[in-house]
Amino acid sequence: VQLQASGGGLVQPGGSLRLSCVASGYTYSFYSIGWFRQAPGKEREGVACISRTDGSTYYTDSVHGRFTIARDNSKNSVYLEMESLKPEDTAVYYCVTDLYQSWCKFGLEEPRPGYMKEFGSWGQGTLVTVSS
């Protein structure tokens, strides 16, 4: 499994960025996929995911209404459209999928703490910096 994320960069508060992730090495459309992030000195947190079954989307509260996740199965890709960015959105963003199909079934929460760190398939991350 390979997940190649791109699109990070430096943006001013209130600005926008679009992250992209291209997946390969597995049957992309069979699995849910999403984004985690890790800010300096903080634990990784789930940001958004999109279900494999019906395309339902889930977001963490702090980005709800500002971020939009979408997938294009024809391109094996997932996108994260980020608007109204805040300094607290500064983090490395990771594209993640769960080949065991236990995550992002009915929400963003992991089946148990640390599940995605142990069982998830992770991309290399792309840095988003929100600063004036």
Protein backbone atom coordinates (compact mmCIF):
# COMPACT_ATOMS: atom_id res chain seq x y z
CA VAL A 1 0.00 0.00 0.00
CA GLN A 2 1.28 3.44 -0.93
CA LEU A 3 -0.35 6.73 -0.07
CA GLN A 4 1.23 9.83 -1.60
CA ALA A 5 0.04 13.09 -0.08
CA SER A 6 0.71 16.54 -1.50
CA GLY A 7 -0.56 20.10 -1.41
CA GLY A 8 0.76 21.36 1.90
CA GLY A 9 2.43 24.72 2.28
CA LEU A 10 2.43 28.07 4.00
CA VAL A 11 -0.83 30.00 4.06
CA GLN A 12 -2.08 33.04 5.92
CA PRO A 13 -4.88 32.79 8.47
CA GLY A 14 -8.20 32.78 6.68
CA GLY A 15 -6.68 31.26 3.57
CA SER A 16 -7.33 27.98 1.79
CA LEU A 17 -5.40 24.90 0.75
CA ARG A 18 -6.28 21.67 -1.00
CA LEU A 19 -4.52 18.47 -0.01
CA SER A 20 -4.45 15.49 -2.35
CA CYS A 21 -3.58 11.87 -1.77
CA VAL A 22 -3.07 9.22 -4.44
CA ALA A 23 -3.33 5.58 -3.37
CA SER A 24 -1.78 2.54 -4.99
CA GLY A 25 -1.04 -1.09 -4.27
CA TYR A 26 -4.55 -2.13 -3.22
CA THR A 27 -8.16 -1.97 -4.36
CA TYR A 28 -8.76 1.62 -3.40
CA SER A 29 -12.53 1.75 -3.66
CA PHE A 30 -12.98 -1.12 -1.18
CA TYR A 31 -11.73 0.84 1.82
CA SER A 32 -12.52 3.95 3.79
CA ILE A 33 -9.88 6.65 3.66
CA GLY A 34 -9.19 9.89 5.45
CA TRP A 35 -6.80 12.33 7.03
CA PHE A 36 -5.07 12.57 10.38
CA ARG A 37 -2.84 15.41 11.51
CA GLN A 38 -0.14 15.94 14.09
CA ALA A 39 0.67 19.38 15.41
CA PRO A 40 4.02 20.11 17.08
CA GLY A 41 4.08 18.61 20.56
CA LYS A 42 0.63 17.05 20.24
CA GLU A 43 -0.82 13.62 19.58
CA ARG A 44 -2.06 12.65 16.16
CA GLU A 45 -5.77 13.28 15.70
CA GLY A 46 -8.30 12.25 13.13
CA VAL A 47 -9.43 15.15 10.93
CA ALA A 48 -11.85 13.66 8.42
CA CYS A 49 -12.73 10.41 6.74
CA ILE A 50 -14.99 9.18 3.97
CA SER A 51 -16.71 5.83 4.18
CA ARG A 52 -16.18 3.11 1.57
CA THR A 53 -19.80 1.97 1.74
CA ASP A 54 -22.00 4.97 1.07
CA GLY A 55 -19.54 7.85 0.89
CA SER A 56 -20.60 9.28 4.25
CA THR A 57 -18.16 11.87 5.54
CA TYR A 58 -17.11 12.53 9.12
CA TYR A 59 -15.15 15.42 10.63
CA THR A 60 -13.61 16.35 13.91
CA ASP A 61 -15.51 19.22 15.55
CA SER A 62 -12.73 21.78 15.15
CA VAL A 63 -12.81 21.59 11.33
CA HIS A 64 -16.49 20.97 10.75
CA GLY A 65 -17.84 23.53 8.28
CA ARG A 66 -14.35 24.59 7.16
CA PHE A 67 -12.89 21.37 5.70
CA THR A 68 -14.39 19.13 3.05
CA ILE A 69 -13.23 15.62 2.22
CA ALA A 70 -13.97 14.00 -1.12
CA ARG A 71 -12.79 10.96 -3.03
CA ASP A 72 -12.48 10.13 -6.70
CA ASN A 73 -12.40 6.37 -7.10
CA SER A 74 -11.55 6.67 -10.80
CA LYS A 75 -8.28 8.36 -9.82
CA ASN A 76 -7.63 6.41 -6.59
CA SER A 77 -7.54 9.78 -4.89
CA VAL A 78 -8.85 11.56 -1.83
CA TYR A 79 -8.86 15.30 -1.28
CA LEU A 80 -9.12 17.61 1.70
CA GLU A 81 -10.34 21.10 0.87
CA MET A 82 -9.41 23.38 3.75
CA GLU A 83 -10.89 26.86 4.09
CA SER A 84 -10.81 29.59 6.74
CA LEU A 85 -7.56 28.17 7.99
CA LYS A 86 -6.43 29.02 11.50
CA PRO A 87 -2.98 28.92 13.11
CA GLU A 88 -4.14 25.93 15.16
CA ASP A 89 -4.57 23.98 11.90
CA THR A 90 -0.79 23.98 11.55
CA ALA A 91 0.30 20.34 11.46
CA VAL A 92 1.64 17.54 9.34
CA TYR A 93 -1.33 16.00 7.56
CA TYR A 94 -1.36 12.27 6.83
CA CYS A 95 -3.47 10.35 4.40
CA VAL A 96 -4.62 7.11 6.05
CA THR A 97 -6.61 4.02 5.18
CA ASP A 98 -7.69 0.96 7.14
CA LEU A 99 -7.38 -2.33 5.28
CA TYR A 100 -9.08 -4.15 8.18
CA GLN A 101 -12.25 -2.12 7.58
CA SER A 102 -12.91 -1.23 11.21
CA TRP A 103 -12.48 2.54 10.96
CA CYS A 104 -14.79 5.18 9.52
CA LYS A 105 -17.80 2.93 9.44
CA PHE A 106 -20.12 5.19 11.43
CA GLY A 107 -17.87 8.03 12.49
CA LEU A 108 -14.35 9.36 12.76
CA GLU A 109 -13.53 7.74 16.09
CA GLU A 110 -11.08 4.86 16.12
CA PRO A 111 -12.40 1.40 17.17
CA ARG A 112 -10.13 1.72 20.21
CA PRO A 113 -7.38 4.20 21.23
CA GLY A 114 -4.30 3.73 19.11
CA TYR A 115 -6.02 1.49 16.58
CA MET A 116 -5.02 3.48 13.50
CA LYS A 117 -1.44 3.88 14.69
CA GLU A 118 -1.22 0.09 14.97
CA PHE A 119 -3.33 -1.09 12.04
CA GLY A 120 -3.68 1.87 9.69
CA SER A 121 -1.74 2.34 6.48
CA TRP A 122 -0.13 5.78 6.47
CA GLY A 123 1.29 8.07 3.84
CA GLN A 124 4.38 10.19 4.39
CA GLY A 125 2.58 13.38 5.43
CA THR A 126 2.47 16.91 4.07
CA LEU A 127 3.14 19.99 6.19
CA VAL A 128 0.53 22.73 6.49
CA THR A 129 1.64 25.95 8.15
CA VAL A 130 -0.89 28.67 8.88
CA SER A 131 0.88 31.86 9.80
CA SER A 132 0.99 35.54 8.95
